[in-house]
Amino acid sequence: MTAATAFAGMRRAVPVMFRAGCPDCRGRFELAAGALRLAIGASSRTTFYSFTCPDCGAAVRKPAGERIVELLTGGGVRTLRLHSTV
């Protein structure tokens, strides 16, 4: 089987876009998965996603509940697992 045969019938993937807003400038926009980062910690207080506002350049960090984590990971957002040291 050639590579062309293996991929025959597959459609080109459409990039996933996520709606976001900046608390600093109140801008509303869509971001590709590559513009977001997800950090998963041991608790809800240490689980968040972050991005840089394309309008004002502010570093934005927002909490991520279970549903947000599910959507972001399913959409291809890079994930960092935070480990606590005890």
N, C-alpha and C. Protein backbone atom coordinates (compact mmCIF):
# COMPACT_ATOMS: atom_id res chain seq x y z
N MET A 1 0.84 -1.17 0.00
CA MET A 1 0.00 0.00 0.00
C MET A 1 0.90 1.24 0.00
N THR A 2 0.60 2.17 -0.87
CA THR A 2 1.38 3.41 -0.93
C THR A 2 0.75 4.45 0.00
N ALA A 3 1.50 5.50 0.27
CA ALA A 3 0.99 6.57 1.13
C ALA A 3 -0.24 7.21 0.49
N ALA A 4 -0.21 7.37 -0.82
CA ALA A 4 -1.34 7.98 -1.51
C ALA A 4 -2.60 7.12 -1.35
N THR A 5 -2.43 5.81 -1.40
CA THR A 5 -3.56 4.90 -1.23
C THR A 5 -4.09 4.95 0.20
N ALA A 6 -3.18 5.00 1.17
CA ALA A 6 -3.58 5.03 2.58
C ALA A 6 -4.40 6.27 2.91
N PHE A 7 -4.07 7.38 2.26
CA PHE A 7 -4.76 8.63 2.57
C PHE A 7 -5.88 8.96 1.57
N ALA A 8 -6.14 8.10 0.62
CA ALA A 8 -7.19 8.34 -0.36
C ALA A 8 -8.53 8.46 0.35
N GLY A 9 -9.31 9.41 -0.03
CA GLY A 9 -10.64 9.59 0.55
C GLY A 9 -10.65 10.46 1.79
N MET A 10 -9.49 10.74 2.34
CA MET A 10 -9.45 11.61 3.51
C MET A 10 -9.59 13.05 3.05
N ARG A 11 -10.31 13.82 3.83
CA ARG A 11 -10.46 15.23 3.51
C ARG A 11 -9.45 16.05 4.30
N ARG A 12 -9.14 17.21 3.79
CA ARG A 12 -8.23 18.09 4.49
C ARG A 12 -8.88 18.57 5.79
N ALA A 13 -8.13 18.52 6.86
CA ALA A 13 -8.67 18.92 8.16
C ALA A 13 -8.83 20.44 8.21
N VAL A 14 -9.95 20.87 8.72
CA VAL A 14 -10.21 22.30 8.91
C VAL A 14 -9.69 22.66 10.30
N PRO A 15 -8.90 23.71 10.41
CA PRO A 15 -8.38 24.08 11.72
C PRO A 15 -9.52 24.44 12.69
N VAL A 16 -9.38 24.00 13.93
CA VAL A 16 -10.36 24.30 14.96
C VAL A 16 -10.10 25.71 15.47
N MET A 17 -11.16 26.49 15.61
CA MET A 17 -11.05 27.85 16.12
C MET A 17 -11.83 27.94 17.43
N PHE A 18 -11.29 28.69 18.36
CA PHE A 18 -11.93 28.87 19.66
C PHE A 18 -12.24 30.34 19.86
N ARG A 19 -13.43 30.65 20.37
CA ARG A 19 -13.79 32.02 20.69
C ARG A 19 -13.19 32.38 22.04
N ALA A 20 -12.66 33.58 22.14
CA ALA A 20 -12.05 34.04 23.38
C ALA A 20 -12.26 35.53 23.53
N GLY A 21 -12.00 36.01 24.72
CA GLY A 21 -12.12 37.43 24.99
C GLY A 21 -11.02 37.87 25.94
N CYS A 22 -10.64 39.12 25.81
CA CYS A 22 -9.58 39.69 26.64
C CYS A 22 -10.21 40.52 27.75
N PRO A 23 -9.88 40.23 29.01
CA PRO A 23 -10.43 41.04 30.11
C PRO A 23 -9.81 42.44 30.18
N ASP A 24 -8.65 42.64 29.57
CA ASP A 24 -7.99 43.95 29.62
C ASP A 24 -8.62 44.94 28.63
N CYS A 25 -8.64 44.57 27.35
CA CYS A 25 -9.15 45.50 26.33
C CYS A 25 -10.59 45.19 25.92
N ARG A 26 -11.13 44.09 26.45
CA ARG A 26 -12.48 43.62 26.14
C ARG A 26 -12.67 43.20 24.69
N GLY A 27 -11.57 42.93 24.01
CA GLY A 27 -11.64 42.45 22.63
C GLY A 27 -12.24 41.05 22.57
N ARG A 28 -12.95 40.76 21.49
CA ARG A 28 -13.53 39.43 21.24
C ARG A 28 -12.94 38.94 19.93
N PHE A 29 -12.51 37.68 19.87
CA PHE A 29 -11.83 37.17 18.69
C PHE A 29 -11.87 35.66 18.68
N GLU A 30 -11.37 35.09 17.60
CA GLU A 30 -11.22 33.64 17.47
C GLU A 30 -9.74 33.32 17.40
N LEU A 31 -9.35 32.24 18.08
CA LEU A 31 -7.95 31.81 18.10
C LEU A 31 -7.85 30.37 17.63
N ALA A 32 -6.80 30.09 16.87
CA ALA A 32 -6.52 28.71 16.46
C ALA A 32 -5.94 27.96 17.66
N ALA A 33 -6.00 26.64 17.61
CA ALA A 33 -5.51 25.81 18.70
C ALA A 33 -4.05 26.12 19.05
N GLY A 34 -3.24 26.47 18.06
CA GLY A 34 -1.84 26.76 18.29
C GLY A 34 -1.59 28.02 19.08
N ALA A 35 -2.60 28.89 19.21
CA ALA A 35 -2.45 30.15 19.95
C ALA A 35 -2.79 29.99 21.43
N LEU A 36 -3.28 28.82 21.81
CA LEU A 36 -3.70 28.57 23.18
C LEU A 36 -2.79 27.55 23.85
N ARG A 37 -2.67 27.63 25.17
CA ARG A 37 -1.95 26.63 25.97
C ARG A 37 -2.87 26.23 27.11
N LEU A 38 -2.88 24.96 27.44
CA LEU A 38 -3.69 24.43 28.53
C LEU A 38 -2.77 23.82 29.58
N ALA A 39 -2.94 24.22 30.82
CA ALA A 39 -2.18 23.65 31.93
C ALA A 39 -3.15 22.92 32.83
N ILE A 40 -2.89 21.64 33.07
CA ILE A 40 -3.77 20.83 33.92
C ILE A 40 -3.03 20.53 35.22
N GLY A 41 -3.58 21.05 36.31
CA GLY A 41 -3.00 20.87 37.62
C GLY A 41 -3.77 19.85 38.44
N ALA A 42 -3.41 19.76 39.70
CA ALA A 42 -4.03 18.79 40.60
C ALA A 42 -5.42 19.23 41.05
N SER A 43 -5.76 20.49 40.87
CA SER A 43 -7.06 20.98 41.31
C SER A 43 -7.61 21.96 40.29
N SER A 44 -8.85 22.38 40.52
CA SER A 44 -9.46 23.36 39.61
C SER A 44 -8.74 24.71 39.70
N ARG A 45 -8.11 24.99 40.82
CA ARG A 45 -7.37 26.26 40.97
C ARG A 45 -6.09 26.28 40.16
N THR A 46 -5.58 25.11 39.83
CA THR A 46 -4.32 25.05 39.07
C THR A 46 -4.51 24.54 37.65
N THR A 47 -5.75 24.53 37.19
CA THR A 47 -6.05 24.13 35.81
C THR A 47 -6.56 25.36 35.07
N PHE A 48 -5.85 25.74 34.01
CA PHE A 48 -6.18 26.97 33.31
C PHE A 48 -5.71 26.90 31.86
N TYR A 49 -6.21 27.83 31.05
CA TYR A 49 -5.70 28.00 29.69
C TYR A 49 -5.20 29.42 29.57
N SER A 50 -4.29 29.62 28.64
CA SER A 50 -3.71 30.95 28.47
C SER A 50 -3.48 31.24 27.00
N PHE A 51 -3.40 32.54 26.70
CA PHE A 51 -3.12 33.00 25.35
C PHE A 51 -2.69 34.45 25.43
N THR A 52 -2.17 34.95 24.34
CA THR A 52 -1.81 36.36 24.22
C THR A 52 -2.89 37.04 23.40
N CYS A 53 -3.44 38.12 23.92
CA CYS A 53 -4.49 38.85 23.21
C CYS A 53 -3.94 39.40 21.90
N PRO A 54 -4.57 39.07 20.78
CA PRO A 54 -4.08 39.59 19.50
C PRO A 54 -4.35 41.09 19.31
N ASP A 55 -5.25 41.65 20.12
CA ASP A 55 -5.57 43.07 19.99
C ASP A 55 -4.62 43.96 20.80
N CYS A 56 -4.38 43.61 22.07
CA CYS A 56 -3.58 44.49 22.92
C CYS A 56 -2.27 43.87 23.40
N GLY A 57 -2.08 42.57 23.15
CA GLY A 57 -0.84 41.91 23.53
C GLY A 57 -0.77 41.45 24.98
N ALA A 58 -1.86 41.58 25.73
CA ALA A 58 -1.87 41.16 27.13
C ALA A 58 -1.78 39.64 27.25
N ALA A 59 -1.08 39.18 28.27
CA ALA A 59 -1.05 37.75 28.59
C ALA A 59 -2.31 37.45 29.38
N VAL A 60 -3.14 36.54 28.86
CA VAL A 60 -4.43 36.23 29.48
C VAL A 60 -4.39 34.80 30.02
N ARG A 61 -4.89 34.64 31.23
CA ARG A 61 -4.97 33.33 31.88
C ARG A 61 -6.36 33.19 32.46
N LYS A 62 -7.05 32.09 32.08
CA LYS A 62 -8.42 31.88 32.53
C LYS A 62 -8.57 30.46 33.08
N PRO A 63 -9.44 30.29 34.09
CA PRO A 63 -9.66 28.95 34.64
C PRO A 63 -10.30 28.03 33.61
N ALA A 64 -9.99 26.75 33.71
CA ALA A 64 -10.56 25.76 32.78
C ALA A 64 -11.20 24.63 33.56
N GLY A 65 -12.51 24.58 33.50
CA GLY A 65 -13.25 23.48 34.11
C GLY A 65 -13.18 22.24 33.22
N GLU A 66 -13.85 21.19 33.65
CA GLU A 66 -13.81 19.91 32.92
C GLU A 66 -14.21 20.04 31.46
N ARG A 67 -15.29 20.76 31.21
CA ARG A 67 -15.80 20.89 29.83
C ARG A 67 -14.82 21.66 28.95
N ILE A 68 -14.22 22.72 29.49
CA ILE A 68 -13.24 23.50 28.73
C ILE A 68 -12.02 22.63 28.42
N VAL A 69 -11.56 21.87 29.41
CA VAL A 69 -10.42 20.97 29.20
C VAL A 69 -10.74 19.98 28.09
N GLU A 70 -11.93 19.43 28.12
CA GLU A 70 -12.37 18.47 27.10
C GLU A 70 -12.36 19.10 25.71
N LEU A 71 -12.92 20.29 25.59
CA LEU A 71 -12.99 20.97 24.29
C LEU A 71 -11.60 21.35 23.77
N LEU A 72 -10.76 21.88 24.65
CA LEU A 72 -9.43 22.30 24.22
C LEU A 72 -8.55 21.11 23.82
N THR A 73 -8.56 20.06 24.62
CA THR A 73 -7.73 18.90 24.27
C THR A 73 -8.25 18.24 22.99
N GLY A 74 -9.58 18.16 22.86
CA GLY A 74 -10.17 17.59 21.65
C GLY A 74 -9.88 18.42 20.41
N GLY A 75 -9.66 19.72 20.60
CA GLY A 75 -9.39 20.62 19.48
C GLY A 75 -7.91 20.76 19.16
N GLY A 76 -7.06 20.01 19.86
CA GLY A 76 -5.65 20.01 19.53
C GLY A 76 -4.79 21.04 20.24
N VAL A 77 -5.31 21.64 21.32
CA VAL A 77 -4.52 22.62 22.08
C VAL A 77 -3.42 21.88 22.85
N ARG A 78 -2.21 22.43 22.79
CA ARG A 78 -1.09 21.83 23.51
C ARG A 78 -1.35 21.88 25.01
N THR A 79 -1.05 20.76 25.67
CA THR A 79 -1.35 20.61 27.08
C THR A 79 -0.10 20.35 27.89
N LEU A 80 -0.04 20.99 29.04
CA LEU A 80 1.04 20.80 29.99
C LEU A 80 0.42 20.26 31.26
N ARG A 81 0.93 19.15 31.75
CA ARG A 81 0.43 18.59 33.02
C ARG A 81 1.34 19.07 34.13
N LEU A 82 0.76 19.75 35.10
CA LEU A 82 1.52 20.27 36.22
C LEU A 82 1.56 19.22 37.33
N HIS A 83 2.74 18.99 37.87
CA HIS A 83 2.90 18.02 38.96
C HIS A 83 3.27 18.77 40.22
N SER A 84 2.63 18.42 41.31
CA SER A 84 2.97 19.07 42.57
C SER A 84 4.09 18.29 43.26
N THR A 85 4.92 19.00 43.97
CA THR A 85 5.98 18.35 44.73
C THR A 85 5.59 18.41 46.19
N VAL A 86 5.52 17.25 46.77
CA VAL A 86 5.10 17.18 48.17
C VAL A 86 6.23 16.71 49.03
